[in-house]
Amino acid sequence: MANRRDTSWVGTLLAALLALLCVVPLVLLVVRGAVDGLGPFRTVLAAESTGAALTKSLLLGTLSGVVAVAVALPAAWFSQVTDMPGARVFRVLLVLPLAVPSYVSGFVVMAAFAHNGWLHGLLRPFGFEDAPDVYSLWGVVLALTWAYPLALLQIQAALSRTDPAMWGAARTLGAGPWRAFADVVLPALRAPMATGGLLVGLYAIGDFGAVSLLRFESLSYLVYLRHKSLFARAEVVPLSLLLAVVALVLVVIVLVVGGRTARGARTLDVHRAWPTIELGRWRWVAFAFCATLVLVFVGLPLGVVGYWLTRGLRLGAELRMPWDDAAHSAILGGVSALILVVAAIGPALAHRFGRVGGARALRTLTFVGYALPGIVVALSMVSFVVRWVEPLYQTFGLLVIAYVIRFTPLALGTLEDGLQRVGTGLMDAARTLGASRARATLTVILPSAAPAIGAAALGVFIAVVKELPAALILGPLEYDTLSTRIWTLTEDAFYALAAVPIFMMLGVALIGLIAGRRLSR
């Protein structure tokens, strides 16, 4: 115990530094708002467009969360514990839509469902002349449904912690499978369902890619429009603060619900595996449901992008491989992942094997940068750097700092979860054999935690490669990434030209996601 106290200050210091860095954008916004005075706030709050954008953002977040949970709940149940054909394969395939960025799913919705889109063209010979208006709430909700794996992962994890004896007892007492699911399983999944829905809602409220492509005037899109305007830039800070408040309220709810879930999980028997639940004649219905999800959320992006690529080649478009953009994305992702894993491993180790003072408060503060929409983080840093450290503006270093602020919880959370599987007895045994704490960590603990370290690095890498707002606003001039290239081309409706970088982006993300899932097991 003494050894833990002796080293606790190191973990506390590292965790405090990370937490401080993550709250910097919010502090900068508040300071900038105080400097500008109340005038811009009055203007923003009095504008009808602000109320409309706030309503649209809340409606978008609510509907996206509800739809995601409605999709994720049956998918998790069928793939996790039933005898559905191919259940093990579907556990991986159903998570793959998480690799599709919102600006790509927005492009898919436009290219497939809009007037003269891919599906419209296929259905027109059968009498379907009118296409629905995708530049609306339903179109954006559809584009953001690609984020349903955020809820799926929460429900899958909760199912693995749920004691199957409750299900068995209900069946023994004569309850049918549907009654047992409704009375026993569903109540145990309410908290993770709420957490998953809130995570998707948070993602939707802060989204920039799909809402900008589909011209849906949510708060995040309004912030971007004001930033581009020469006459309304004073409204950027008040709108950003309003968006930040909405996002932070949601993340507090996520943390509260997640804490309740964790407390409930301690009472469950985690050592029992679920029996394979027989679906009978519903086996193929479940298979059709999961196969449809994979077809729509994985196959449709590949099909739409392939269609536009083929069409461009047929029309003689000069398509080029954006190797420079891919290299820029890979370098940014690799550097950011390395920095974040190195920075987060100390606090994660101290949290597992030491006593970190105020650990929960510091952990919560790291969510601030992640909760703030990317465009808010980027604009808050611009306002500070341009005024005080102008040489840092639009540099590689500033962009990496933004990624560290945004994605610290991804690295820290993955490392902490992975280290929970490393027993404290390993450290105690190494120390008993005479190894110093540092040597025990390097030779015993870190090798045991290698899968978690690899999964954390891959998670950050994928997040950076997909990220758009920071790369668009903070990136160096003439330093395009795959994300900025795709966004520029799709915004200008150059779909054929955008197909190649989209395929490259999806390939990198899909490979990384599959590898990360295997490492995190």
Protein backbone atom coordinates (compact mmCIF):
# COMPACT_ATOMS: atom_id res chain seq x y z
CA MET A 1 0.00 0.00 0.00
CA ALA A 2 2.86 2.35 0.73
CA ASN A 3 4.24 1.87 -2.74
CA ARG A 4 0.93 2.91 -4.24
CA ARG A 5 0.81 6.09 -2.22
CA ASP A 6 4.42 6.91 -3.07
CA THR A 7 3.71 6.96 -6.78
CA SER A 8 0.19 8.32 -6.71
CA TRP A 9 1.35 11.90 -7.25
CA VAL A 10 2.79 11.00 -10.67
CA GLY A 11 -0.53 9.65 -11.92
CA THR A 12 -2.39 12.57 -10.37
CA LEU A 13 -0.09 15.09 -12.07
CA LEU A 14 -0.36 13.44 -15.49
CA ALA A 15 -4.13 13.07 -15.20
CA ALA A 16 -4.44 16.71 -14.09
CA LEU A 17 -2.37 17.93 -17.05
CA LEU A 18 -4.52 15.97 -19.51
CA ALA A 19 -7.70 17.23 -17.88
CA LEU A 20 -6.43 20.81 -17.97
CA LEU A 21 -5.62 20.53 -21.66
CA CYS A 22 -9.07 19.11 -22.43
CA VAL A 23 -10.92 22.03 -20.79
CA VAL A 24 -8.81 24.69 -22.55
CA PRO A 25 -11.26 25.16 -25.49
CA LEU A 26 -14.18 25.77 -23.14
CA VAL A 27 -12.15 28.23 -21.06
CA LEU A 28 -11.06 30.05 -24.22
CA LEU A 29 -14.67 30.35 -25.36
CA VAL A 30 -15.79 31.75 -22.02
CA VAL A 31 -12.90 34.24 -21.91
CA ARG A 32 -13.53 35.34 -25.49
CA GLY A 33 -17.24 35.76 -24.73
CA ALA A 34 -16.41 37.90 -21.68
CA VAL A 35 -14.06 40.08 -23.74
CA ASP A 36 -16.61 40.61 -26.51
CA GLY A 37 -19.30 41.62 -24.01
CA LEU A 38 -23.03 40.96 -23.98
CA GLY A 39 -23.84 42.58 -27.32
CA PRO A 40 -23.23 39.51 -29.52
CA PHE A 41 -25.08 37.31 -27.01
CA ARG A 42 -28.15 39.57 -27.14
CA THR A 43 -28.07 39.52 -30.93
CA VAL A 44 -27.80 35.75 -31.08
CA LEU A 45 -30.46 35.04 -28.46
CA ALA A 46 -32.89 37.47 -30.08
CA ALA A 47 -32.51 35.97 -33.56
CA GLU A 48 -35.24 33.62 -34.77
CA SER A 49 -32.59 31.53 -36.55
CA THR A 50 -30.99 30.67 -33.20
CA GLY A 51 -34.19 29.25 -31.74
CA ALA A 52 -34.88 27.35 -34.95
CA ALA A 53 -31.34 25.93 -35.03
CA LEU A 54 -31.52 24.92 -31.35
CA THR A 55 -34.85 23.18 -31.93
CA LYS A 56 -33.49 21.38 -34.99
CA SER A 57 -30.37 20.28 -33.08
CA LEU A 58 -32.37 18.89 -30.17
CA LEU A 59 -34.83 17.18 -32.51
CA LEU A 60 -31.96 15.75 -34.55
CA GLY A 61 -30.19 14.43 -31.45
CA THR A 62 -33.37 12.91 -30.02
CA LEU A 63 -34.49 11.17 -33.22
CA SER A 64 -30.98 9.94 -34.03
CA GLY A 65 -30.62 8.43 -30.56
CA VAL A 66 -34.03 6.74 -30.66
CA VAL A 67 -33.48 5.29 -34.15
CA ALA A 68 -29.99 4.06 -33.23
CA VAL A 69 -31.25 2.22 -30.13
CA ALA A 70 -34.17 0.75 -32.08
CA VAL A 71 -31.66 -0.67 -34.57
CA ALA A 72 -28.98 -1.68 -32.05
CA LEU A 73 -31.13 -3.52 -29.48
CA PRO A 74 -32.35 -6.42 -31.68
CA ALA A 75 -28.99 -6.52 -33.51
CA ALA A 76 -27.11 -6.95 -30.20
CA TRP A 77 -29.52 -9.61 -28.92
CA PHE A 78 -29.52 -11.66 -32.13
CA SER A 79 -25.75 -11.57 -32.63
CA GLN A 80 -24.69 -11.97 -29.00
CA VAL A 81 -26.71 -14.82 -27.47
CA THR A 82 -28.93 -16.54 -30.07
CA ASP A 83 -28.49 -19.35 -32.59
CA MET A 84 -28.95 -16.99 -35.54
CA PRO A 85 -26.90 -18.27 -38.51
CA GLY A 86 -23.56 -16.45 -38.73
CA ALA A 87 -23.97 -14.74 -35.35
CA ARG A 88 -20.21 -14.61 -34.69
CA VAL A 89 -19.51 -13.00 -38.06
CA PHE A 90 -22.29 -10.48 -37.56
CA ARG A 91 -20.72 -9.36 -34.26
CA VAL A 92 -17.94 -7.82 -36.35
CA LEU A 93 -19.91 -6.83 -39.45
CA LEU A 94 -22.55 -4.92 -37.46
CA VAL A 95 -19.87 -2.66 -35.95
CA LEU A 96 -18.28 -1.75 -39.31
CA PRO A 97 -20.61 1.23 -40.03
CA LEU A 98 -18.72 3.04 -37.26
CA ALA A 99 -15.87 3.35 -39.77
CA VAL A 100 -18.02 5.48 -42.11
CA PRO A 101 -17.63 9.23 -41.37
CA SER A 102 -20.77 11.36 -41.37
CA TYR A 103 -19.65 13.34 -44.42
CA VAL A 104 -19.39 10.03 -46.30
CA SER A 105 -22.78 8.78 -45.10
CA GLY A 106 -24.21 12.20 -46.01
CA PHE A 107 -22.70 11.81 -49.47
CA VAL A 108 -24.24 8.32 -49.72
CA VAL A 109 -27.69 9.63 -48.79
CA MET A 110 -27.43 12.40 -51.39
CA ALA A 111 -26.01 10.19 -54.12
CA ALA A 112 -28.45 7.31 -53.50
CA PHE A 113 -31.75 8.89 -52.46
CA ALA A 114 -31.81 12.40 -53.89
CA HIS A 115 -33.51 13.30 -57.17
CA ASN A 116 -31.52 11.76 -60.03
CA GLY A 117 -29.59 9.76 -57.45
CA TRP A 118 -28.43 6.19 -57.87
CA LEU A 119 -31.51 4.43 -56.44
CA HIS A 120 -33.85 6.96 -58.03
CA GLY A 121 -32.38 6.12 -61.40
CA LEU A 122 -32.80 2.40 -60.82
CA LEU A 123 -36.43 2.75 -59.70
CA ARG A 124 -37.56 5.30 -62.29
CA PRO A 125 -38.37 2.65 -64.96
CA PHE A 126 -40.82 1.12 -62.46
CA GLY A 127 -42.81 4.33 -62.13
CA PHE A 128 -41.04 5.95 -59.16
CA GLU A 129 -40.66 9.46 -60.56
CA ASP A 130 -40.60 11.50 -57.36
CA ALA A 131 -37.69 11.22 -54.96
CA PRO A 132 -38.03 12.24 -51.30
CA ASP A 133 -36.33 15.43 -50.20
CA VAL A 134 -33.12 14.30 -48.48
CA TYR A 135 -32.22 17.90 -47.63
CA SER A 136 -34.40 17.66 -44.55
CA LEU A 137 -34.52 16.24 -41.05
CA TRP A 138 -35.21 12.69 -42.21
CA GLY A 139 -32.25 12.77 -44.60
CA VAL A 140 -29.84 13.90 -41.86
CA VAL A 141 -31.23 11.35 -39.36
CA LEU A 142 -30.73 8.64 -41.98
CA ALA A 143 -27.15 9.79 -42.59
CA LEU A 144 -26.42 9.78 -38.85
CA THR A 145 -27.96 6.33 -38.31
CA TRP A 146 -24.55 5.02 -39.43
CA ALA A 147 -23.51 5.85 -35.84
CA TYR A 148 -25.79 3.14 -34.36
CA PRO A 149 -22.74 0.99 -33.36
CA LEU A 150 -22.14 3.49 -30.54
CA ALA A 151 -25.34 2.15 -28.98
CA LEU A 152 -24.70 -1.42 -30.15
CA LEU A 153 -21.38 -1.63 -28.30
CA GLN A 154 -22.99 -0.41 -25.07
CA ILE A 155 -25.76 -3.01 -25.28
CA GLN A 156 -23.37 -5.83 -26.23
CA ALA A 157 -21.15 -5.04 -23.24
CA ALA A 158 -24.17 -4.96 -20.91
CA LEU A 159 -25.37 -8.33 -22.21
CA SER A 160 -21.96 -9.86 -21.49
CA ARG A 161 -22.24 -8.61 -17.88
CA THR A 162 -25.85 -9.71 -17.36
CA ASP A 163 -26.30 -12.89 -15.35
CA PRO A 164 -28.02 -15.45 -17.65
CA ALA A 165 -29.41 -17.21 -14.57
CA MET A 166 -32.18 -14.60 -14.52
CA TRP A 167 -33.22 -15.62 -18.01
CA GLY A 168 -33.07 -19.30 -17.06
CA ALA A 169 -35.17 -18.73 -13.94
CA ALA A 170 -37.84 -16.90 -15.93
CA ARG A 171 -37.99 -19.70 -18.51
CA THR A 172 -38.14 -22.33 -15.76
CA LEU A 173 -41.12 -20.53 -14.22
CA GLY A 174 -42.99 -20.87 -17.50
CA ALA A 175 -42.35 -17.52 -19.18
CA GLY A 176 -42.09 -17.65 -22.96
CA PRO A 177 -39.01 -16.24 -24.71
CA TRP A 178 -40.65 -12.90 -25.53
CA ARG A 179 -42.04 -12.56 -21.97
CA ALA A 180 -38.67 -13.49 -20.44
CA PHE A 181 -36.91 -10.94 -22.65
CA ALA A 182 -39.38 -8.17 -21.78
CA ASP A 183 -39.52 -8.89 -18.03
CA VAL A 184 -35.93 -9.91 -17.29
CA VAL A 185 -33.46 -8.85 -20.01
CA LEU A 186 -34.92 -5.53 -21.11
CA PRO A 187 -34.92 -3.93 -17.62
CA ALA A 188 -31.22 -4.83 -17.26
CA LEU A 189 -30.50 -3.11 -20.60
CA ARG A 190 -32.36 0.15 -19.96
CA ALA A 191 -29.31 2.01 -18.63
CA PRO A 192 -26.96 0.98 -21.49
CA MET A 193 -29.74 1.69 -23.99
CA ALA A 194 -30.06 5.19 -22.53
CA THR A 195 -26.28 5.65 -22.56
CA GLY A 196 -26.02 4.46 -26.16
CA GLY A 197 -28.89 6.68 -27.28
CA LEU A 198 -27.34 9.68 -25.55
CA LEU A 199 -23.95 9.00 -27.13
CA VAL A 200 -25.52 8.92 -30.58
CA GLY A 201 -27.53 12.04 -29.75
CA LEU A 202 -24.33 13.80 -28.66
CA TYR A 203 -22.65 12.72 -31.88
CA ALA A 204 -25.60 14.01 -33.92
CA ILE A 205 -25.81 17.39 -32.18
CA GLY A 206 -22.10 18.00 -32.74
CA ASP A 207 -22.03 16.65 -36.29
CA PHE A 208 -20.68 18.88 -38.99
CA GLY A 209 -20.23 16.67 -42.05
CA ALA A 210 -23.73 15.38 -42.77
CA VAL A 211 -25.55 18.56 -41.73
CA SER A 212 -23.32 20.71 -43.93
CA LEU A 213 -23.66 18.48 -46.99
CA LEU A 214 -27.43 18.23 -46.55
CA ARG A 215 -27.76 21.96 -45.71
CA PHE A 216 -29.57 21.25 -42.45
CA GLU A 217 -29.33 24.39 -40.33
CA SER A 218 -28.55 22.92 -36.92
CA LEU A 219 -26.43 24.82 -34.41
CA SER A 220 -23.18 23.30 -35.68
CA TYR A 221 -23.97 24.29 -39.27
CA LEU A 222 -24.99 27.77 -38.14
CA VAL A 223 -21.64 28.16 -36.36
CA TYR A 224 -19.84 27.26 -39.58
CA LEU A 225 -21.92 29.69 -41.66
CA ARG A 226 -21.20 32.53 -39.23
CA HIS A 227 -17.49 31.68 -39.28
CA LYS A 228 -17.43 31.98 -43.09
CA SER A 229 -19.41 35.23 -43.06
CA LEU A 230 -17.55 38.54 -43.13
CA PHE A 231 -20.35 40.36 -41.29
CA ALA A 232 -21.54 37.92 -38.63
CA ARG A 233 -18.36 36.47 -37.12
CA ALA A 234 -19.12 38.13 -33.78
CA GLU A 235 -21.95 35.60 -33.43
CA VAL A 236 -19.59 32.61 -33.62
CA VAL A 237 -18.64 32.65 -29.93
CA PRO A 238 -22.20 32.95 -28.52
CA LEU A 239 -23.44 30.22 -30.87
CA SER A 240 -20.45 28.02 -29.98
CA LEU A 241 -21.10 28.49 -26.27
CA LEU A 242 -24.77 27.60 -26.75
CA LEU A 243 -23.78 24.45 -28.64
CA ALA A 244 -21.21 23.66 -25.94
CA VAL A 245 -23.81 23.97 -23.19
CA VAL A 246 -26.16 21.57 -24.99
CA ALA A 247 -23.34 19.08 -25.57
CA LEU A 248 -22.06 19.27 -21.98
CA VAL A 249 -25.53 18.74 -20.53
CA LEU A 250 -25.78 15.58 -22.63
CA VAL A 251 -22.33 14.32 -21.60
CA VAL A 252 -23.18 14.83 -17.91
CA ILE A 253 -26.29 12.71 -18.46
CA VAL A 254 -24.13 10.08 -20.21
CA LEU A 255 -21.69 9.98 -17.28
CA VAL A 256 -24.49 9.73 -14.70
CA VAL A 257 -26.26 6.95 -16.58
CA GLY A 258 -22.95 5.20 -17.24
CA GLY A 259 -22.09 5.35 -13.54
CA ARG A 260 -25.40 3.73 -12.67
CA THR A 261 -24.71 1.04 -15.25
CA ALA A 262 -21.27 0.35 -13.76
CA ARG A 263 -22.67 0.17 -10.22
CA GLY A 264 -25.35 -2.25 -11.39
CA ALA A 265 -22.76 -4.38 -13.18
CA ARG A 266 -20.89 -5.16 -9.96
CA THR A 267 -23.80 -7.25 -8.71
CA LEU A 268 -23.86 -9.46 -11.80
CA ASP A 269 -22.18 -12.79 -12.26
CA VAL A 270 -19.64 -12.06 -15.01
CA HIS A 271 -18.24 -15.61 -14.98
CA ARG A 272 -21.26 -17.31 -16.52
CA ALA A 273 -21.59 -17.50 -20.27
CA TRP A 274 -24.98 -17.07 -21.86
CA PRO A 275 -26.53 -20.25 -23.20
CA THR A 276 -27.30 -20.23 -26.91
CA ILE A 277 -30.93 -19.18 -27.10
CA GLU A 278 -32.85 -21.01 -29.82
CA LEU A 279 -34.98 -18.76 -32.02
CA GLY A 280 -36.78 -21.54 -33.85
CA ARG A 281 -38.57 -20.24 -36.93
CA TRP A 282 -37.36 -16.73 -36.10
CA ARG A 283 -33.73 -17.68 -36.86
CA TRP A 284 -33.94 -16.60 -40.46
CA VAL A 285 -35.96 -13.49 -39.63
CA ALA A 286 -33.12 -12.45 -37.33
CA PHE A 287 -30.61 -13.29 -40.05
CA ALA A 288 -32.53 -11.20 -42.59
CA PHE A 289 -32.65 -8.26 -40.17
CA CYS A 290 -28.91 -8.29 -39.48
CA ALA A 291 -28.05 -8.95 -43.13
CA THR A 292 -30.19 -5.96 -44.13
CA LEU A 293 -28.29 -3.75 -41.69
CA VAL A 294 -24.96 -4.86 -43.14
CA LEU A 295 -26.25 -4.45 -46.69
CA VAL A 296 -27.53 -0.91 -46.04
CA PHE A 297 -24.82 0.46 -43.76
CA VAL A 298 -21.79 -1.30 -45.26
CA GLY A 299 -22.85 -2.44 -48.71
CA LEU A 300 -24.69 0.75 -49.69
CA PRO A 301 -21.68 3.06 -49.17
CA LEU A 302 -19.48 0.68 -51.14
CA GLY A 303 -22.12 0.35 -53.87
CA VAL A 304 -22.83 4.08 -54.18
CA VAL A 305 -19.16 5.03 -54.25
CA GLY A 306 -18.43 2.22 -56.69
CA TYR A 307 -21.27 3.42 -58.93
CA TRP A 308 -19.93 6.97 -59.10
CA LEU A 309 -16.39 5.72 -59.64
CA THR A 310 -17.52 3.53 -62.54
CA ARG A 311 -19.61 6.35 -63.98
CA GLY A 312 -16.68 8.74 -63.79
CA LEU A 313 -14.39 6.30 -65.55
CA ARG A 314 -17.01 5.70 -68.24
CA LEU A 315 -17.36 9.43 -68.84
CA GLY A 316 -13.61 9.88 -69.08
CA ALA A 317 -13.07 11.72 -65.80
CA GLU A 318 -9.44 12.12 -64.82
CA LEU A 319 -9.30 10.30 -61.53
CA ARG A 320 -6.14 10.41 -59.46
CA MET A 321 -4.98 8.54 -56.42
CA PRO A 322 -4.64 11.07 -53.58
CA TRP A 323 -1.48 9.56 -52.16
CA ASP A 324 -0.33 12.85 -50.61
CA ASP A 325 -3.66 13.29 -48.83
CA ALA A 326 -3.55 9.69 -47.58
CA ALA A 327 0.01 10.19 -46.34
CA HIS A 328 -1.02 13.38 -44.50
CA SER A 329 -3.92 11.54 -42.85
CA ALA A 330 -1.71 8.60 -41.89
CA ILE A 331 1.00 10.85 -40.42
CA LEU A 332 -1.51 12.89 -38.41
CA GLY A 333 -3.21 9.73 -37.17
CA GLY A 334 0.05 8.02 -36.26
CA VAL A 335 1.57 11.00 -34.46
CA SER A 336 -1.65 11.75 -32.56
CA ALA A 337 -2.09 8.09 -31.56
CA LEU A 338 1.50 7.84 -30.33
CA ILE A 339 1.28 11.04 -28.28
CA LEU A 340 -2.08 10.15 -26.77
CA VAL A 341 -1.16 6.59 -25.82
CA VAL A 342 2.10 7.75 -24.21
CA ALA A 343 0.28 10.56 -22.40
CA ALA A 344 -2.60 8.37 -21.23
CA ILE A 345 -0.71 5.24 -20.14
CA GLY A 346 0.58 6.89 -16.95
CA PRO A 347 -2.84 7.97 -15.62
CA ALA A 348 -4.36 4.63 -16.70
CA LEU A 349 -1.68 2.65 -14.85
CA ALA A 350 -1.98 4.84 -11.78
CA HIS A 351 -5.76 4.44 -11.80
CA ARG A 352 -5.40 0.65 -11.92
CA PHE A 353 -2.42 0.08 -9.62
CA GLY A 354 -2.15 3.28 -7.60
CA ARG A 355 -4.28 5.81 -5.81
CA VAL A 356 -4.98 8.79 -8.01
CA GLY A 357 -6.39 11.69 -6.03
CA GLY A 358 -9.65 13.00 -7.49
CA ALA A 359 -9.53 10.33 -10.21
CA ARG A 360 -13.22 10.49 -11.04
CA ALA A 361 -13.26 14.30 -11.29
CA LEU A 362 -10.16 14.34 -13.50
CA ARG A 363 -11.58 11.55 -15.68
CA THR A 364 -14.81 13.52 -16.10
CA LEU A 365 -12.93 16.67 -17.13
CA THR A 366 -11.24 14.82 -20.00
CA PHE A 367 -14.70 14.36 -21.54
CA VAL A 368 -15.08 18.12 -22.00
CA GLY A 369 -12.93 18.26 -25.12
CA TYR A 370 -14.59 15.13 -26.48
CA ALA A 371 -18.08 16.42 -25.72
CA LEU A 372 -17.49 19.74 -27.44
CA PRO A 373 -18.24 19.47 -31.17
CA GLY A 374 -15.11 19.50 -33.30
CA ILE A 375 -16.01 22.79 -34.93
CA VAL A 376 -16.32 24.44 -31.50
CA VAL A 377 -12.92 23.16 -30.40
CA ALA A 378 -11.33 24.32 -33.66
CA LEU A 379 -12.88 27.80 -33.59
CA SER A 380 -12.04 28.34 -29.91
CA MET A 381 -8.40 27.57 -30.65
CA VAL A 382 -8.41 29.84 -33.69
CA SER A 383 -9.68 32.80 -31.67
CA PHE A 384 -6.87 32.36 -29.13
CA VAL A 385 -4.01 31.54 -31.48
CA VAL A 386 -4.73 34.32 -33.97
CA ARG A 387 -4.72 36.89 -31.17
CA TRP A 388 -1.84 35.64 -29.01
CA VAL A 389 0.27 33.04 -30.85
CA GLU A 390 -0.29 33.76 -34.52
CA PRO A 391 2.77 31.81 -35.81
CA LEU A 392 1.10 28.64 -34.48
CA TYR A 393 -2.00 29.17 -36.63
CA GLN A 394 -2.54 26.58 -39.37
CA THR A 395 0.42 24.45 -38.35
CA PHE A 396 0.83 20.71 -37.94
CA GLY A 397 1.47 21.13 -34.22
CA LEU A 398 -1.76 23.04 -33.57
CA LEU A 399 -3.76 20.38 -35.40
CA VAL A 400 -2.20 17.60 -33.30
CA ILE A 401 -2.98 19.56 -30.10
CA ALA A 402 -6.62 19.77 -31.21
CA TYR A 403 -6.70 16.00 -31.75
CA VAL A 404 -5.20 15.36 -28.31
CA ILE A 405 -7.91 17.55 -26.77
CA ARG A 406 -10.68 15.84 -28.72
CA PHE A 407 -9.67 12.20 -28.39
CA THR A 408 -8.07 11.82 -24.95
CA PRO A 409 -11.11 9.89 -23.59
CA LEU A 410 -10.81 7.36 -26.43
CA ALA A 411 -7.24 6.45 -25.47
CA LEU A 412 -7.72 6.75 -21.70
CA GLY A 413 -10.99 4.80 -21.63
CA THR A 414 -9.64 1.95 -23.77
CA LEU A 415 -6.46 1.69 -21.70
CA GLU A 416 -8.33 1.72 -18.39
CA ASP A 417 -10.79 -0.93 -19.60
CA GLY A 418 -7.94 -3.11 -20.87
CA LEU A 419 -5.91 -2.76 -17.69
CA GLN A 420 -8.89 -3.95 -15.65
CA ARG A 421 -8.17 -7.38 -17.12
CA VAL A 422 -4.60 -7.30 -15.77
CA GLY A 423 -4.73 -8.58 -12.21
CA THR A 424 -3.08 -6.57 -9.46
CA GLY A 425 -1.45 -9.84 -8.37
CA LEU A 426 0.99 -9.56 -11.29
CA MET A 427 2.37 -6.30 -9.93
CA ASP A 428 2.49 -7.67 -6.38
CA ALA A 429 4.30 -10.84 -7.53
CA ALA A 430 6.91 -8.87 -9.47
CA ARG A 431 7.49 -6.57 -6.52
CA THR A 432 7.83 -9.53 -4.17
CA LEU A 433 10.54 -10.97 -6.44
CA GLY A 434 12.54 -7.77 -6.03
CA ALA A 435 11.64 -5.84 -9.19
CA SER A 436 11.26 -2.10 -8.87
CA ARG A 437 7.89 -0.61 -9.67
CA ALA A 438 9.19 0.82 -12.96
CA ARG A 439 10.77 -2.49 -13.98
CA ALA A 440 7.64 -4.45 -13.05
CA THR A 441 5.57 -2.08 -15.14
CA LEU A 442 7.87 -2.36 -18.18
CA THR A 443 8.46 -6.11 -18.07
CA VAL A 444 5.18 -7.46 -16.72
CA ILE A 445 2.27 -5.02 -16.84
CA LEU A 446 2.80 -3.33 -20.22
CA PRO A 447 3.33 -6.62 -22.13
CA SER A 448 0.13 -7.95 -20.53
CA ALA A 449 -1.67 -4.75 -21.55
CA ALA A 450 -0.32 -4.78 -25.12
CA PRO A 451 -3.74 -5.58 -26.67
CA ALA A 452 -5.31 -2.60 -24.87
CA ILE A 453 -2.44 -0.33 -25.95
CA GLY A 454 -2.81 -1.45 -29.56
CA ALA A 455 -6.60 -1.02 -29.47
CA ALA A 456 -6.25 2.48 -27.99
CA ALA A 457 -3.75 3.52 -30.65
CA LEU A 458 -5.93 2.15 -33.46
CA GLY A 459 -9.03 3.83 -32.03
CA VAL A 460 -7.32 7.22 -31.96
CA PHE A 461 -5.82 6.66 -35.42
CA ILE A 462 -9.23 5.93 -36.97
CA ALA A 463 -10.84 8.89 -35.19
CA VAL A 464 -8.14 11.26 -36.47
CA VAL A 465 -8.30 9.94 -40.04
CA LYS A 466 -12.09 10.46 -40.07
CA GLU A 467 -12.08 13.85 -38.31
CA LEU A 468 -13.13 16.83 -40.45
CA PRO A 469 -13.75 20.20 -38.68
CA ALA A 470 -10.32 20.58 -37.04
CA ALA A 471 -8.54 19.48 -40.21
CA LEU A 472 -10.63 21.91 -42.25
CA ILE A 473 -10.15 24.93 -39.98
CA LEU A 474 -6.77 24.37 -38.30
CA GLY A 475 -4.85 22.39 -40.92
CA PRO A 476 -1.82 23.90 -42.65
CA LEU A 477 -2.32 25.43 -46.08
CA GLU A 478 -1.77 22.96 -48.92
CA TYR A 479 -1.91 20.11 -46.37
CA ASP A 480 -5.08 18.37 -47.42
CA THR A 481 -6.13 15.14 -45.74
CA LEU A 482 -8.48 12.48 -47.02
CA SER A 483 -11.29 13.99 -44.94
CA THR A 484 -10.86 17.54 -46.27
CA ARG A 485 -10.47 16.28 -49.84
CA ILE A 486 -13.66 14.22 -49.63
CA TRP A 487 -15.61 17.07 -48.02
CA THR A 488 -14.49 19.62 -50.62
CA LEU A 489 -15.35 17.37 -53.56
CA THR A 490 -18.71 16.20 -52.22
CA GLU A 491 -19.73 19.75 -51.24
CA ASP A 492 -19.14 20.78 -54.85
CA ALA A 493 -20.98 17.66 -56.11
CA PHE A 494 -17.88 16.14 -57.77
CA TYR A 495 -19.01 12.68 -56.76
CA ALA A 496 -16.89 10.71 -59.21
CA LEU A 497 -13.73 12.51 -58.13
CA ALA A 498 -14.61 11.94 -54.48
CA ALA A 499 -15.00 8.17 -54.98
CA VAL A 500 -11.28 7.34 -54.89
CA PRO A 501 -10.44 9.10 -51.60
CA ILE A 502 -13.65 7.71 -50.06
CA PHE A 503 -12.59 4.16 -50.95
CA MET A 504 -9.17 4.82 -49.46
CA MET A 505 -10.72 6.27 -46.30
CA LEU A 506 -13.13 3.35 -45.88
CA GLY A 507 -10.38 0.82 -46.50
CA VAL A 508 -8.11 2.30 -43.83
CA ALA A 509 -10.96 2.69 -41.33
CA LEU A 510 -12.41 -0.79 -41.89
CA ILE A 511 -9.04 -2.52 -41.52
CA GLY A 512 -8.25 -0.51 -38.41
CA LEU A 513 -11.65 -1.17 -36.87
CA ILE A 514 -11.44 -4.93 -37.41
CA ALA A 515 -7.91 -5.01 -36.00
CA GLY A 516 -8.95 -2.88 -33.04
CA ARG A 517 -11.88 -5.18 -32.23
CA ARG A 518 -9.60 -8.22 -32.24
CA LEU A 519 -6.96 -6.52 -30.10
CA SER A 520 -9.52 -5.38 -27.53
CA ARG A 521 -10.83 -8.92 -26.89
